Amino acid sequence: MPLINKTVLVSGANYFTDKDAINALMDSSLPVDVDQAIKEHQSIIKAFKKAGIKVIEVGAPKGMQDGVYTANWALVRAGEAVLARLPNKRKPEEPVARQHLSDLGLKLHELPERIQAFSGQGDSLVCDDVLFVQSPYRTSKAAHPIVKNLLGFKEVYSLNTKPQRWFKFGPVKNNKITGWPDSPTFDLDLALAVIKPRIDNSPPLIAYCPKLFKWPSRKILKDLKGFDKIIIPKDEALKAYAPNLVSTGEIVIMNSGAPKLKANLVKHGLKVIELDLPELKKGGGSIRCSSLTLD
């Protein structure tokens, strides 16, 4: 029986493409095999069900290339959802997400109009009553305290991964399509993962890649008390999308190509299901991105 991520909302990959390269991981020059992307998405659903996760499936939003990434639709906790504010090309997903979450009976919260960016669960990872949330790439920092108060978290850790830069050392690079600052880890779920909640006297477990974070955030995570931590190597994080996983607290569904993370998870008593998802990765997302936790 899952301890966390008991129920997830998933969409479909029917309209998936990387035509509009709205993040630093996308390359519109690379063709996408939609049929293969659909098969990969189905393999994620199959793995979820094998791990005991209840999967609620909704239709893929028609014509929306990123509609498969339901994690960005909202952040959900205890029957309430803070709705996302997505970049320009994903704006049409917002009413779709609102309708689906309303149909599920969730109490919906809209952020103030001054908050222009909030990437939902993609940028906001929950561990018990703690929220890890990032800015500035897809989430406005002003959203952090609002989300904390709306959903009743006791503690919020505001983090920042390294930006994409011109020629690696130059100015911060803005995405040509969204106009927003960009990063290879534009969403926090590409740099950090929640593996286990607190169980009796055992501390919660997170996994993250220190080298992807700017120094102040790296120090926050290093000094974080009351958590067990697994360090993810940079190459596994960037090449294999290793942090972009879903854990039940007992079983971890993760991308293949991250042997060091897998070995550390096994050492912590977890079972691992590995998936190979090359097409879905072309959109800059993977397993965690493709599922919105509802419990």
C-alpha atoms as a PDB file:
ATOM      1  CA  MET A   1       0.000   0.000   0.000  1.00  0.00           C
ATOM      2  CA  PRO A   2       1.546   3.347  -1.013  1.00  0.00           C
ATOM      3  CA  LEU A   3       2.548   5.711   1.776  1.00  0.00           C
ATOM      4  CA  ILE A   4       2.691   8.729  -0.528  1.00  0.00           C
ATOM      5  CA  ASN A   5       1.496   9.410  -4.083  1.00  0.00           C
ATOM      6  CA  LYS A   6      -1.454   7.101  -3.463  1.00  0.00           C
ATOM      7  CA  THR A   7      -3.585   8.696  -6.193  1.00  0.00           C
ATOM      8  CA  VAL A   8      -2.378  10.541  -9.277  1.00  0.00           C
ATOM      9  CA  LEU A   9      -4.024  12.355 -12.169  1.00  0.00           C
ATOM     10  CA  VAL A  10      -2.631  11.661 -15.636  1.00  0.00           C
ATOM     11  CA  SER A  11      -3.536  12.923 -19.078  1.00  0.00           C
ATOM     12  CA  GLY A  12      -2.265  11.558 -22.390  1.00  0.00           C
ATOM     13  CA  ALA A  13       0.494  12.063 -24.970  1.00  0.00           C
ATOM     14  CA  ASN A  14      -1.778  12.161 -28.030  1.00  0.00           C
ATOM     15  CA  TYR A  15      -0.736  15.712 -28.989  1.00  0.00           C
ATOM     16  CA  PHE A  16       2.769  15.600 -27.595  1.00  0.00           C
ATOM     17  CA  THR A  17       5.505  17.370 -29.555  1.00  0.00           C
ATOM     18  CA  ASP A  18       8.500  19.638 -28.963  1.00  0.00           C
ATOM     19  CA  LYS A  19       7.556  22.094 -31.705  1.00  0.00           C
ATOM     20  CA  ASP A  20       7.488  25.049 -29.331  1.00  0.00           C
ATOM     21  CA  ALA A  21      10.705  24.804 -27.318  1.00  0.00           C
ATOM     22  CA  ILE A  22       9.469  26.497 -24.163  1.00  0.00           C
ATOM     23  CA  ASN A  23      12.208  25.176 -21.874  1.00  0.00           C
ATOM     24  CA  ALA A  24      15.956  24.672 -21.948  1.00  0.00           C
ATOM     25  CA  LEU A  25      15.689  20.901 -22.413  1.00  0.00           C
ATOM     26  CA  MET A  26      13.598  21.062 -25.579  1.00  0.00           C
ATOM     27  CA  ASP A  27      15.025  21.111 -29.090  1.00  0.00           C
ATOM     28  CA  SER A  28      12.436  21.786 -31.772  1.00  0.00           C
ATOM     29  CA  SER A  29      14.790  20.400 -34.420  1.00  0.00           C
ATOM     30  CA  LEU A  30      14.416  16.887 -32.982  1.00  0.00           C
ATOM     31  CA  PRO A  31      11.409  15.005 -34.385  1.00  0.00           C
ATOM     32  CA  VAL A  32       9.026  13.334 -31.944  1.00  0.00           C
ATOM     33  CA  ASP A  33       7.499   9.906 -32.500  1.00  0.00           C
ATOM     34  CA  VAL A  34       4.019  10.480 -31.054  1.00  0.00           C
ATOM     35  CA  ASP A  35       3.056   6.807 -31.188  1.00  0.00           C
ATOM     36  CA  GLN A  36       6.162   5.940 -29.193  1.00  0.00           C
ATOM     37  CA  ALA A  37       5.464   8.760 -26.726  1.00  0.00           C
ATOM     38  CA  ILE A  38       1.969   7.328 -26.170  1.00  0.00           C
ATOM     39  CA  LYS A  39       3.478   3.881 -25.521  1.00  0.00           C
ATOM     40  CA  GLU A  40       5.944   5.392 -23.059  1.00  0.00           C
ATOM     41  CA  HIS A  41       3.138   7.206 -21.266  1.00  0.00           C
ATOM     42  CA  GLN A  42       1.173   3.976 -21.018  1.00  0.00           C
ATOM     43  CA  SER A  43       4.248   2.282 -19.523  1.00  0.00           C
ATOM     44  CA  ILE A  44       4.274   4.947 -16.795  1.00  0.00           C
ATOM     45  CA  ILE A  45       0.611   4.249 -16.009  1.00  0.00           C
ATOM     46  CA  LYS A  46       1.257   0.503 -15.961  1.00  0.00           C
ATOM     47  CA  ALA A  47       4.190   0.981 -13.555  1.00  0.00           C
ATOM     48  CA  PHE A  48       2.083   3.194 -11.285  1.00  0.00           C
ATOM     49  CA  LYS A  49      -0.631   0.553 -11.055  1.00  0.00           C
ATOM     50  CA  LYS A  50       1.946  -2.159 -10.416  1.00  0.00           C
ATOM     51  CA  ALA A  51       3.222  -0.065  -7.488  1.00  0.00           C
ATOM     52  CA  GLY A  52      -0.305   0.164  -6.059  1.00  0.00           C
ATOM     53  CA  ILE A  53      -0.986   3.759  -7.110  1.00  0.00           C
ATOM     54  CA  LYS A  54      -4.544   4.656  -8.070  1.00  0.00           C
ATOM     55  CA  VAL A  55      -4.459   6.337 -11.473  1.00  0.00           C
ATOM     56  CA  ILE A  56      -7.184   8.729 -12.599  1.00  0.00           C
ATOM     57  CA  GLU A  57      -6.958   9.217 -16.363  1.00  0.00           C
ATOM     58  CA  VAL A  58      -8.380  12.175 -18.257  1.00  0.00           C
ATOM     59  CA  GLY A  59      -8.268  12.864 -21.968  1.00  0.00           C
ATOM     60  CA  ALA A  60      -5.273  14.580 -23.479  1.00  0.00           C
ATOM     61  CA  PRO A  61      -6.060  18.300 -23.981  1.00  0.00           C
ATOM     62  CA  LYS A  62      -6.638  18.640 -27.713  1.00  0.00           C
ATOM     63  CA  GLY A  63      -3.798  20.273 -29.598  1.00  0.00           C
ATOM     64  CA  MET A  64      -1.762  21.056 -26.461  1.00  0.00           C
ATOM     65  CA  GLN A  65       1.801  19.741 -26.780  1.00  0.00           C
ATOM     66  CA  ASP A  66       2.558  19.860 -23.042  1.00  0.00           C
ATOM     67  CA  GLY A  67      -0.830  18.646 -21.804  1.00  0.00           C
ATOM     68  CA  VAL A  68       0.760  15.336 -20.876  1.00  0.00           C
ATOM     69  CA  TYR A  69       2.615  17.070 -18.018  1.00  0.00           C
ATOM     70  CA  THR A  70      -0.251  17.224 -15.511  1.00  0.00           C
ATOM     71  CA  ALA A  71       2.118  17.926 -12.600  1.00  0.00           C
ATOM     72  CA  ASN A  72       2.134  21.558 -13.695  1.00  0.00           C
ATOM     73  CA  TRP A  73      -1.643  21.978 -13.450  1.00  0.00           C
ATOM     74  CA  ALA A  74      -1.801  22.629  -9.698  1.00  0.00           C
ATOM     75  CA  LEU A  75      -0.490  21.766  -6.266  1.00  0.00           C
ATOM     76  CA  VAL A  76      -2.914  19.602  -4.305  1.00  0.00           C
ATOM     77  CA  ARG A  77      -3.103  18.936  -0.584  1.00  0.00           C
ATOM     78  CA  ALA A  78      -5.880  17.634   1.686  1.00  0.00           C
ATOM     79  CA  GLY A  79      -8.661  18.114  -0.825  1.00  0.00           C
ATOM     80  CA  GLU A  80      -7.584  21.602  -1.921  1.00  0.00           C
ATOM     81  CA  ALA A  81      -5.701  22.751  -5.005  1.00  0.00           C
ATOM     82  CA  VAL A  82      -3.781  25.913  -5.846  1.00  0.00           C
ATOM     83  CA  LEU A  83      -4.146  26.327  -9.605  1.00  0.00           C
ATOM     84  CA  ALA A  84      -1.120  26.958 -11.804  1.00  0.00           C
ATOM     85  CA  ARG A  85      -0.130  30.026 -13.788  1.00  0.00           C
ATOM     86  CA  LEU A  86       1.539  28.600 -16.878  1.00  0.00           C
ATOM     87  CA  PRO A  87       3.740  30.204 -19.561  1.00  0.00           C
ATOM     88  CA  ASN A  88       2.162  31.609 -22.717  1.00  0.00           C
ATOM     89  CA  LYS A  89       2.064  28.453 -24.850  1.00  0.00           C
ATOM     90  CA  ARG A  90       0.535  26.451 -21.971  1.00  0.00           C
ATOM     91  CA  LYS A  91      -2.144  28.980 -20.978  1.00  0.00           C
ATOM     92  CA  PRO A  92      -4.897  27.004 -22.791  1.00  0.00           C
ATOM     93  CA  GLU A  93      -4.279  24.143 -20.347  1.00  0.00           C
ATOM     94  CA  GLU A  94      -5.389  26.235 -17.356  1.00  0.00           C
ATOM     95  CA  PRO A  95      -9.173  26.019 -17.916  1.00  0.00           C
ATOM     96  CA  VAL A  96      -8.819  22.321 -18.753  1.00  0.00           C
ATOM     97  CA  ALA A  97      -7.004  21.704 -15.473  1.00  0.00           C
ATOM     98  CA  ARG A  98      -9.549  23.792 -13.558  1.00  0.00           C
ATOM     99  CA  GLN A  99     -12.431  21.759 -14.950  1.00  0.00           C
ATOM    100  CA  HIS A 100     -10.846  18.374 -14.235  1.00  0.00           C
ATOM    101  CA  LEU A 101      -9.894  19.295 -10.680  1.00  0.00           C
ATOM    102  CA  SER A 102     -13.329  20.782 -10.040  1.00  0.00           C
ATOM    103  CA  ASP A 103     -14.953  17.585 -11.334  1.00  0.00           C
ATOM    104  CA  LEU A 104     -12.894  15.664  -8.786  1.00  0.00           C
ATOM    105  CA  GLY A 105     -14.473  17.723  -5.998  1.00  0.00           C
ATOM    106  CA  LEU A 106     -11.374  19.635  -4.958  1.00  0.00           C
ATOM    107  CA  LYS A 107     -11.607  23.080  -3.396  1.00  0.00           C
ATOM    108  CA  LEU A 108      -9.828  25.357  -5.863  1.00  0.00           C
ATOM    109  CA  HIS A 109      -7.698  28.396  -5.078  1.00  0.00           C
ATOM    110  CA  GLU A 110      -6.686  31.050  -7.618  1.00  0.00           C
ATOM    111  CA  LEU A 111      -3.500  32.992  -6.980  1.00  0.00           C
ATOM    112  CA  PRO A 112      -3.695  36.813  -7.047  1.00  0.00           C
ATOM    113  CA  GLU A 113      -3.400  38.363 -10.496  1.00  0.00           C
ATOM    114  CA  ARG A 114       0.003  39.838  -9.606  1.00  0.00           C
ATOM    115  CA  ILE A 115       1.404  36.295  -9.455  1.00  0.00           C
ATOM    116  CA  GLN A 116       2.228  35.615 -13.080  1.00  0.00           C
ATOM    117  CA  ALA A 117       3.980  32.271 -12.711  1.00  0.00           C
ATOM    118  CA  PHE A 118       3.278  29.141 -10.679  1.00  0.00           C
ATOM    119  CA  SER A 119       4.277  25.735 -12.014  1.00  0.00           C
ATOM    120  CA  GLY A 120       2.210  23.667  -9.614  1.00  0.00           C
ATOM    121  CA  GLN A 121       3.621  20.402  -8.347  1.00  0.00           C
ATOM    122  CA  GLY A 122       6.444  20.590 -10.891  1.00  0.00           C
ATOM    123  CA  ASP A 123       8.058  23.353  -8.855  1.00  0.00           C
ATOM    124  CA  SER A 124       6.534  22.534  -5.445  1.00  0.00           C
ATOM    125  CA  LEU A 125       7.435  19.241  -3.812  1.00  0.00           C
ATOM    126  CA  VAL A 126       5.639  18.138  -0.654  1.00  0.00           C
ATOM    127  CA  CYS A 127       7.199  16.127   2.155  1.00  0.00           C
ATOM    128  CA  ASP A 128       4.792  15.764   5.084  1.00  0.00           C
ATOM    129  CA  ASP A 129       4.080  19.342   6.234  1.00  0.00           C
ATOM    130  CA  VAL A 130       7.165  20.765   4.474  1.00  0.00           C
ATOM    131  CA  LEU A 131       7.144  22.335   1.008  1.00  0.00           C
ATOM    132  CA  PHE A 132      10.216  22.654  -1.200  1.00  0.00           C
ATOM    133  CA  VAL A 133       9.525  25.290  -3.848  1.00  0.00           C
ATOM    134  CA  GLN A 134      11.648  27.001  -6.498  1.00  0.00           C
ATOM    135  CA  SER A 135      11.856  30.379  -8.242  1.00  0.00           C
ATOM    136  CA  PRO A 136      12.235  32.233 -10.589  1.00  0.00           C
ATOM    137  CA  TYR A 137      12.005  30.192 -13.792  1.00  0.00           C
ATOM    138  CA  ARG A 138       8.410  28.951 -13.653  1.00  0.00           C
ATOM    139  CA  THR A 139       7.233  30.166 -10.246  1.00  0.00           C
ATOM    140  CA  SER A 140       7.186  33.701  -8.851  1.00  0.00           C
ATOM    141  CA  LYS A 141       8.810  33.913  -5.435  1.00  0.00           C
ATOM    142  CA  ALA A 142       5.823  35.933  -4.218  1.00  0.00           C
ATOM    143  CA  ALA A 143       3.756  32.758  -4.627  1.00  0.00           C
ATOM    144  CA  HIS A 144       5.707  30.859  -1.946  1.00  0.00           C
ATOM    145  CA  PRO A 145       4.087  32.328   1.207  1.00  0.00           C
ATOM    146  CA  ILE A 146       0.652  32.391  -0.434  1.00  0.00           C
ATOM    147  CA  VAL A 147       0.788  28.689  -1.282  1.00  0.00           C
ATOM    148  CA  LYS A 148       2.089  27.955   2.219  1.00  0.00           C
ATOM    149  CA  ASN A 149      -0.869  29.706   3.832  1.00  0.00           C
ATOM    150  CA  LEU A 150      -3.520  28.396   1.450  1.00  0.00           C
ATOM    151  CA  LEU A 151      -2.518  24.756   1.885  1.00  0.00           C
ATOM    152  CA  GLY A 152      -1.365  24.923   5.505  1.00  0.00           C
ATOM    153  CA  PHE A 153       2.294  23.964   5.343  1.00  0.00           C
ATOM    154  CA  LYS A 154       4.370  24.455   8.483  1.00  0.00           C
ATOM    155  CA  GLU A 155       7.607  25.167   6.635  1.00  0.00           C
ATOM    156  CA  VAL A 156       8.586  26.317   3.152  1.00  0.00           C
ATOM    157  CA  TYR A 157      12.109  26.110   1.771  1.00  0.00           C
ATOM    158  CA  SER A 158      12.606  28.514  -1.145  1.00  0.00           C
ATOM    159  CA  LEU A 159      15.220  27.144  -3.530  1.00  0.00           C
ATOM    160  CA  ASN A 160      16.905  28.163  -6.773  1.00  0.00           C
ATOM    161  CA  THR A 161      18.742  25.973  -9.274  1.00  0.00           C
ATOM    162  CA  LYS A 162      21.358  27.299 -11.652  1.00  0.00           C
ATOM    163  CA  PRO A 163      20.150  29.235 -14.705  1.00  0.00           C
ATOM    164  CA  GLN A 164      20.932  28.631 -18.319  1.00  0.00           C
ATOM    165  CA  ARG A 165      23.608  31.078 -19.436  1.00  0.00           C
ATOM    166  CA  TRP A 166      24.920  32.307 -22.757  1.00  0.00           C
ATOM    167  CA  PHE A 167      28.221  30.542 -23.449  1.00  0.00           C
ATOM    168  CA  LYS A 168      27.973  28.934 -19.966  1.00  0.00           C
ATOM    169  CA  PHE A 169      29.435  31.977 -18.180  1.00  0.00           C
ATOM    170  CA  GLY A 170      27.525  34.877 -19.730  1.00  0.00           C
ATOM    171  CA  PRO A 171      24.222  36.539 -18.799  1.00  0.00           C
ATOM    172  CA  VAL A 172      21.190  34.496 -17.789  1.00  0.00           C
ATOM    173  CA  LYS A 173      19.380  33.246 -20.866  1.00  0.00           C
ATOM    174  CA  ASN A 174      15.686  33.950 -21.393  1.00  0.00           C
ATOM    175  CA  ASN A 175      13.573  31.484 -23.317  1.00  0.00           C
ATOM    176  CA  LYS A 176      12.826  32.859 -26.784  1.00  0.00           C
ATOM    177  CA  ILE A 177       9.201  31.733 -26.725  1.00  0.00           C
ATOM    178  CA  THR A 178       8.086  32.388 -23.146  1.00  0.00           C
ATOM    179  CA  GLY A 179      10.343  35.378 -22.478  1.00  0.00           C
ATOM    180  CA  TRP A 180      10.935  33.923 -18.999  1.00  0.00           C
ATOM    181  CA  PRO A 181      14.396  33.110 -17.579  1.00  0.00           C
ATOM    182  CA  ASP A 182      15.367  29.538 -18.314  1.00  0.00           C
ATOM    183  CA  SER A 183      17.292  26.680 -16.740  1.00  0.00           C
ATOM    184  CA  PRO A 184      17.973  22.993 -17.467  1.00  0.00           C
ATOM    185  CA  THR A 185      16.161  22.510 -14.152  1.00  0.00           C
ATOM    186  CA  PHE A 186      13.367  25.009 -14.814  1.00  0.00           C
ATOM    187  CA  ASP A 187      11.122  22.926 -12.529  1.00  0.00           C
ATOM    188  CA  LEU A 188      12.304  21.713  -9.136  1.00  0.00           C
ATOM    189  CA  ASP A 189      11.284  18.125  -9.871  1.00  0.00           C
ATOM    190  CA  LEU A 190      14.253  17.919 -12.239  1.00  0.00           C
ATOM    191  CA  ALA A 191      16.681  18.507  -9.350  1.00  0.00           C
ATOM    192  CA  LEU A 192      15.008  17.136  -6.194  1.00  0.00           C
ATOM    193  CA  ALA A 193      12.740  14.222  -5.319  1.00  0.00           C
ATOM    194  CA  VAL A 194      10.774  13.198  -2.236  1.00  0.00           C
ATOM    195  CA  ILE A 195      11.350   9.494  -1.577  1.00  0.00           C
ATOM    196  CA  LYS A 196       9.831   8.680   1.832  1.00  0.00           C
ATOM    197  CA  PRO A 197       7.625  10.485   4.339  1.00  0.00           C
ATOM    198  CA  ARG A 198       8.327  10.398   8.050  1.00  0.00           C
ATOM    199  CA  ILE A 199       7.458   6.937   9.359  1.00  0.00           C
ATOM    200  CA  ASP A 200       7.205   6.612  13.157  1.00  0.00           C
ATOM    201  CA  ASN A 201      10.691   7.624  14.345  1.00  0.00           C
ATOM    202  CA  SER A 202      12.331   7.306  10.929  1.00  0.00           C
ATOM    203  CA  PRO A 203      13.067  10.651   9.225  1.00  0.00           C
ATOM    204  CA  PRO A 204      11.768  11.477   5.761  1.00  0.00           C
ATOM    205  CA  LEU A 205      14.052  10.805   2.800  1.00  0.00           C
ATOM    206  CA  ILE A 206      14.792  13.123  -0.125  1.00  0.00           C
ATOM    207  CA  ALA A 207      17.167  12.840  -3.075  1.00  0.00           C
ATOM    208  CA  TYR A 208      18.736  15.801  -4.825  1.00  0.00           C
ATOM    209  CA  CYS A 209      21.673  16.952  -6.940  1.00  0.00           C
ATOM    210  CA  PRO A 210      23.677  19.650  -5.093  1.00  0.00           C
ATOM    211  CA  LYS A 211      25.589  20.707  -8.212  1.00  0.00           C
ATOM    212  CA  LEU A 212      22.384  21.879  -9.884  1.00  0.00           C
ATOM    213  CA  PHE A 213      21.578  24.397  -7.137  1.00  0.00           C
ATOM    214  CA  LYS A 214      22.938  27.882  -6.605  1.00  0.00           C
ATOM    215  CA  TRP A 215      25.110  28.119  -3.510  1.00  0.00           C
ATOM    216  CA  PRO A 216      22.550  29.560  -1.014  1.00  0.00           C
ATOM    217  CA  SER A 217      20.057  26.812  -1.894  1.00  0.00           C
ATOM    218  CA  ARG A 218      22.742  24.155  -1.773  1.00  0.00           C
ATOM    219  CA  LYS A 219      23.571  25.306   1.752  1.00  0.00           C
ATOM    220  CA  ILE A 220      19.889  25.198   2.774  1.00  0.00           C
ATOM    221  CA  LEU A 221      19.668  21.582   1.662  1.00  0.00           C
ATOM    222  CA  LYS A 222      23.025  20.611   3.152  1.00  0.00           C
ATOM    223  CA  ASP A 223      22.113  22.105   6.539  1.00  0.00           C
ATOM    224  CA  LEU A 224      18.564  20.723   6.492  1.00  0.00           C
ATOM    225  CA  LYS A 225      17.922  18.894   9.762  1.00  0.00           C
ATOM    226  CA  GLY A 226      15.580  15.991  10.343  1.00  0.00           C
ATOM    227  CA  PHE A 227      15.883  14.526   6.831  1.00  0.00           C
ATOM    228  CA  ASP A 228      17.822  11.632   5.363  1.00  0.00           C
ATOM    229  CA  LYS A 229      19.342  12.572   1.999  1.00  0.00           C
ATOM    230  CA  ILE A 230      20.560  10.798  -1.107  1.00  0.00           C
ATOM    231  CA  ILE A 231      22.948  12.713  -3.365  1.00  0.00           C
ATOM    232  CA  ILE A 232      22.267  12.370  -7.092  1.00  0.00           C
ATOM    233  CA  PRO A 233      25.258  12.765  -9.441  1.00  0.00           C
ATOM    234  CA  LYS A 234      24.980  15.641 -11.910  1.00  0.00           C
ATOM    235  CA  ASP A 235      25.272  13.434 -14.993  1.00  0.00           C
ATOM    236  CA  GLU A 236      22.431  11.189 -13.814  1.00  0.00           C
ATOM    237  CA  ALA A 237      20.264  14.185 -12.995  1.00  0.00           C
ATOM    238  CA  LEU A 238      20.762  15.939 -16.335  1.00  0.00           C
ATOM    239  CA  LYS A 239      21.088  13.010 -18.730  1.00  0.00           C
ATOM    240  CA  ALA A 240      18.733  10.476 -17.144  1.00  0.00           C
ATOM    241  CA  TYR A 241      16.295  12.931 -15.503  1.00  0.00           C
ATOM    242  CA  ALA A 242      16.980  10.897 -12.357  1.00  0.00           C
ATOM    243  CA  PRO A 243      15.137  13.169  -9.860  1.00  0.00           C
ATOM    244  CA  ASN A 244      12.009  13.137 -12.027  1.00  0.00           C
ATOM    245  CA  LEU A 245      10.609  10.067 -10.329  1.00  0.00           C
ATOM    246  CA  VAL A 246       7.537   9.007  -8.387  1.00  0.00           C
ATOM    247  CA  SER A 247       7.918   7.166  -5.087  1.00  0.00           C
ATOM    248  CA  THR A 248       5.253   5.461  -3.011  1.00  0.00           C
ATOM    249  CA  GLY A 249       7.601   5.389  -0.023  1.00  0.00           C
ATOM    250  CA  GLU A 250       8.192   1.707  -0.775  1.00  0.00           C
ATOM    251  CA  ILE A 251       8.511   1.497  -4.563  1.00  0.00           C
ATOM    252  CA  VAL A 252      10.238   4.064  -6.789  1.00  0.00           C
ATOM    253  CA  ILE A 253       9.319   4.451 -10.457  1.00  0.00           C
ATOM    254  CA  MET A 254      12.335   6.095 -12.071  1.00  0.00           C
ATOM    255  CA  ASN A 255      14.147   6.589 -15.360  1.00  0.00           C
ATOM    256  CA  SER A 256      16.762   4.123 -16.520  1.00  0.00           C
ATOM    257  CA  GLY A 257      20.340   5.323 -16.810  1.00  0.00           C
ATOM    258  CA  ALA A 258      20.845   6.341 -13.167  1.00  0.00           C
ATOM    259  CA  PRO A 259      22.627   3.346 -11.587  1.00  0.00           C
ATOM    260  CA  LYS A 260      24.069   5.264  -8.623  1.00  0.00           C
ATOM    261  CA  LEU A 261      20.697   6.618  -7.577  1.00  0.00           C
ATOM    262  CA  LYS A 262      19.121   3.193  -8.054  1.00  0.00           C
ATOM    263  CA  ALA A 263      21.782   1.563  -5.860  1.00  0.00           C
ATOM    264  CA  ASN A 264      21.246   4.141  -3.111  1.00  0.00           C
ATOM    265  CA  LEU A 265      17.482   3.630  -3.212  1.00  0.00           C
ATOM    266  CA  VAL A 266      17.929  -0.122  -2.854  1.00  0.00           C
ATOM    267  CA  LYS A 267      20.286   0.458   0.086  1.00  0.00           C
ATOM    268  CA  HIS A 268      17.474   2.384   1.751  1.00  0.00           C
ATOM    269  CA  GLY A 269      15.184  -0.632   1.405  1.00  0.00           C
ATOM    270  CA  LEU A 270      13.203   0.550  -1.613  1.00  0.00           C
ATOM    271  CA  LYS A 271      12.140  -1.446  -4.634  1.00  0.00           C
ATOM    272  CA  VAL A 272      12.781   0.145  -8.024  1.00  0.00           C
ATOM    273  CA  ILE A 273      10.925   0.052 -11.332  1.00  0.00           C
ATOM    274  CA  GLU A 274      12.990   1.491 -14.184  1.00  0.00           C
ATOM    275  CA  LEU A 275      11.491   2.943 -17.368  1.00  0.00           C
ATOM    276  CA  ASP A 276      13.075   4.027 -20.643  1.00  0.00           C
ATOM    277  CA  LEU A 277      11.324   7.183 -21.892  1.00  0.00           C
ATOM    278  CA  PRO A 278      13.393   8.856 -24.642  1.00  0.00           C
ATOM    279  CA  GLU A 279      10.444  10.482 -26.459  1.00  0.00           C
ATOM    280  CA  LEU A 280       8.792  12.051 -23.418  1.00  0.00           C
ATOM    281  CA  LYS A 281      12.153  13.433 -22.313  1.00  0.00           C
ATOM    282  CA  LYS A 282      12.255  15.496 -25.506  1.00  0.00           C
ATOM    283  CA  GLY A 283       9.645  17.743 -23.908  1.00  0.00           C
ATOM    284  CA  GLY A 284      11.815  18.367 -20.861  1.00  0.00           C
ATOM    285  CA  GLY A 285       9.793  16.131 -18.566  1.00  0.00           C
ATOM    286  CA  SER A 286       9.325  12.552 -17.528  1.00  0.00           C
ATOM    287  CA  ILE A 287       7.646  10.428 -14.840  1.00  0.00           C
ATOM    288  CA  ARG A 288       7.023  13.025 -12.121  1.00  0.00           C
ATOM    289  CA  CYS A 289       6.051  15.645 -14.684  1.00  0.00           C
ATOM    290  CA  SER A 290       3.439  13.312 -16.155  1.00  0.00           C
ATOM    291  CA  SER A 291       1.486  12.842 -12.926  1.00  0.00           C
ATOM    292  CA  LEU A 292      -0.269  15.150 -10.476  1.00  0.00           C
ATOM    293  CA  THR A 293      -0.563  13.763  -6.947  1.00  0.00           C
ATOM    294  CA  LEU A 294      -4.081  14.171  -5.551  1.00  0.00           C
ATOM    295  CA  ASP A 295      -3.768  12.789  -1.995  1.00  0.00           C
END
